[in-house]
Amino acid sequence: MQSQPATADKTVKLLQGGDSLRRVWIVQRDDGVYVIKPEEWYQNVIEGELVAEGWKPIYGDFGLFGSADLAEREALVRLDWLMETLHPAV
């Protein structure tokens, strides 16, 4: 379940959601700028039969960052489900 995004850009880091159904790629574009690529796992079931599954973009690419660290911090701030992974409720 861990194929990289189909792009010529350089994948820098993968942040996984706690339920393993959502994730965020930190990617460096060809021009050196970093972007966030959130995805979620989907399954298409028709009449009880699995016909397709895979990762799909949630929001499309967003953000333009000067470093991978800045992109990661923004992902943690913007995506509540990702922050919950690092700091689960007690």
C-alpha atoms as a PDB file:
ATOM      1  CA  MET A   1       0.000   0.000   0.000  1.00  0.00           C
ATOM      2  CA  GLN A   2       2.934   2.399  -0.331  1.00  0.00           C
ATOM      3  CA  SER A   3       3.430   3.429  -3.932  1.00  0.00           C
ATOM      4  CA  GLN A   4       4.890   6.879  -4.449  1.00  0.00           C
ATOM      5  CA  PRO A   5       3.019   9.616  -6.300  1.00  0.00           C
ATOM      6  CA  ALA A   6       3.314   9.436 -10.074  1.00  0.00           C
ATOM      7  CA  THR A   7       5.498  12.456 -10.721  1.00  0.00           C
ATOM      8  CA  ALA A   8       8.968  13.494 -11.832  1.00  0.00           C
ATOM      9  CA  ASP A   9       9.299  15.447  -8.583  1.00  0.00           C
ATOM     10  CA  LYS A  10      11.461  14.130  -5.728  1.00  0.00           C
ATOM     11  CA  THR A  11       9.648  12.515  -2.806  1.00  0.00           C
ATOM     12  CA  VAL A  12      11.256  13.658   0.441  1.00  0.00           C
ATOM     13  CA  LYS A  13       9.075  12.284   3.243  1.00  0.00           C
ATOM     14  CA  LEU A  14       5.893  10.356   3.939  1.00  0.00           C
ATOM     15  CA  LEU A  15       3.667  11.224   6.926  1.00  0.00           C
ATOM     16  CA  GLN A  16       1.138   8.482   7.689  1.00  0.00           C
ATOM     17  CA  GLY A  17      -2.220   8.993   9.401  1.00  0.00           C
ATOM     18  CA  GLY A  18      -2.962   6.875  12.475  1.00  0.00           C
ATOM     19  CA  ASP A  19      -5.614   4.819  10.706  1.00  0.00           C
ATOM     20  CA  SER A  20      -3.253   4.108   7.749  1.00  0.00           C
ATOM     21  CA  LEU A  21      -6.009   5.322   5.433  1.00  0.00           C
ATOM     22  CA  ARG A  22      -4.611   8.821   4.960  1.00  0.00           C
ATOM     23  CA  ARG A  23      -1.116  10.037   4.284  1.00  0.00           C
ATOM     24  CA  VAL A  24       0.833  13.081   3.146  1.00  0.00           C
ATOM     25  CA  TRP A  25       3.772  13.158   0.787  1.00  0.00           C
ATOM     26  CA  ILE A  26       6.297  15.976   1.166  1.00  0.00           C
ATOM     27  CA  VAL A  27       7.620  16.494  -2.352  1.00  0.00           C
ATOM     28  CA  GLN A  28      10.329  18.688  -3.821  1.00  0.00           C
ATOM     29  CA  ARG A  29       9.375  19.984  -7.243  1.00  0.00           C
ATOM     30  CA  ASP A  30      11.828  20.342 -10.111  1.00  0.00           C
ATOM     31  CA  ASP A  31      12.162  24.062  -9.304  1.00  0.00           C
ATOM     32  CA  GLY A  32      13.325  23.294  -5.731  1.00  0.00           C
ATOM     33  CA  VAL A  33      10.070  24.297  -4.009  1.00  0.00           C
ATOM     34  CA  TYR A  34       8.362  21.843  -1.631  1.00  0.00           C
ATOM     35  CA  VAL A  35       4.642  20.981  -1.708  1.00  0.00           C
ATOM     36  CA  ILE A  36       2.278  18.818   0.329  1.00  0.00           C
ATOM     37  CA  LYS A  37       0.348  16.007  -1.391  1.00  0.00           C
ATOM     38  CA  PRO A  38      -2.348  14.534   0.913  1.00  0.00           C
ATOM     39  CA  GLU A  39      -3.941  11.236  -0.145  1.00  0.00           C
ATOM     40  CA  GLU A  40      -6.506   8.776   1.172  1.00  0.00           C
ATOM     41  CA  TRP A  41      -7.048   5.078   0.578  1.00  0.00           C
ATOM     42  CA  TYR A  42     -10.267   4.196  -1.192  1.00  0.00           C
ATOM     43  CA  GLN A  43     -12.093   1.007  -2.042  1.00  0.00           C
ATOM     44  CA  ASN A  44     -14.828   0.805  -4.628  1.00  0.00           C
ATOM     45  CA  VAL A  45     -17.195  -2.049  -3.778  1.00  0.00           C
ATOM     46  CA  ILE A  46     -20.096  -2.910  -6.063  1.00  0.00           C
ATOM     47  CA  GLU A  47     -22.622  -5.499  -4.905  1.00  0.00           C
ATOM     48  CA  GLY A  48     -20.187  -6.789  -2.315  1.00  0.00           C
ATOM     49  CA  GLU A  49     -17.303  -7.196  -4.776  1.00  0.00           C
ATOM     50  CA  LEU A  50     -14.144  -5.108  -4.594  1.00  0.00           C
ATOM     51  CA  VAL A  51     -13.632  -3.652  -8.074  1.00  0.00           C
ATOM     52  CA  ALA A  52     -10.958  -1.027  -7.393  1.00  0.00           C
ATOM     53  CA  GLU A  53      -8.752   0.264  -4.620  1.00  0.00           C
ATOM     54  CA  GLY A  54      -5.820   2.592  -4.273  1.00  0.00           C
ATOM     55  CA  TRP A  55      -4.585   5.999  -3.173  1.00  0.00           C
ATOM     56  CA  LYS A  56      -6.286   9.154  -4.406  1.00  0.00           C
ATOM     57  CA  PRO A  57      -5.445  12.823  -3.837  1.00  0.00           C
ATOM     58  CA  ILE A  58      -7.578  14.475  -1.178  1.00  0.00           C
ATOM     59  CA  TYR A  59      -7.074  18.176  -1.884  1.00  0.00           C
ATOM     60  CA  GLY A  60      -4.500  18.222  -4.644  1.00  0.00           C
ATOM     61  CA  ASP A  61      -1.075  19.735  -4.081  1.00  0.00           C
ATOM     62  CA  PHE A  62      -0.966  22.716  -1.797  1.00  0.00           C
ATOM     63  CA  GLY A  63       1.540  25.091  -0.348  1.00  0.00           C
ATOM     64  CA  LEU A  64       4.847  26.387  -1.604  1.00  0.00           C
ATOM     65  CA  PHE A  65       7.599  25.952   0.957  1.00  0.00           C
ATOM     66  CA  GLY A  66      11.315  26.688   1.044  1.00  0.00           C
ATOM     67  CA  SER A  67      12.176  23.509   2.942  1.00  0.00           C
ATOM     68  CA  ALA A  68      10.809  20.053   3.710  1.00  0.00           C
ATOM     69  CA  ASP A  69      10.650  20.961   7.424  1.00  0.00           C
ATOM     70  CA  LEU A  70       8.380  23.936   6.721  1.00  0.00           C
ATOM     71  CA  ALA A  71       6.134  21.760   4.544  1.00  0.00           C
ATOM     72  CA  GLU A  72       5.912  19.121   7.281  1.00  0.00           C
ATOM     73  CA  ARG A  73       5.037  21.697   9.949  1.00  0.00           C
ATOM     74  CA  GLU A  74       2.301  23.131   7.740  1.00  0.00           C
ATOM     75  CA  ALA A  75       0.873  19.649   7.122  1.00  0.00           C
ATOM     76  CA  LEU A  76       0.751  19.011  10.871  1.00  0.00           C
ATOM     77  CA  VAL A  77      -1.018  22.324  11.501  1.00  0.00           C
ATOM     78  CA  ARG A  78      -3.485  22.102   8.594  1.00  0.00           C
ATOM     79  CA  LEU A  79      -4.449  18.420   8.744  1.00  0.00           C
ATOM     80  CA  ASP A  80      -6.031  17.599  12.110  1.00  0.00           C
ATOM     81  CA  TRP A  81      -6.031  13.868  11.406  1.00  0.00           C
ATOM     82  CA  LEU A  82      -2.266  13.942  10.967  1.00  0.00           C
ATOM     83  CA  MET A  83      -1.633  15.778  14.242  1.00  0.00           C
ATOM     84  CA  GLU A  84      -3.862  13.268  16.073  1.00  0.00           C
ATOM     85  CA  THR A  85      -1.465  10.575  14.901  1.00  0.00           C
ATOM     86  CA  LEU A  86       1.416  12.198  16.746  1.00  0.00           C
ATOM     87  CA  HIS A  87      -0.584  13.243  19.818  1.00  0.00           C
ATOM     88  CA  PRO A  88      -3.478  10.792  20.362  1.00  0.00           C
ATOM     89  CA  ALA A  89      -6.269  11.790  22.754  1.00  0.00           C
ATOM     90  CA  VAL A  90      -6.055  10.123  26.141  1.00  0.00           C
END
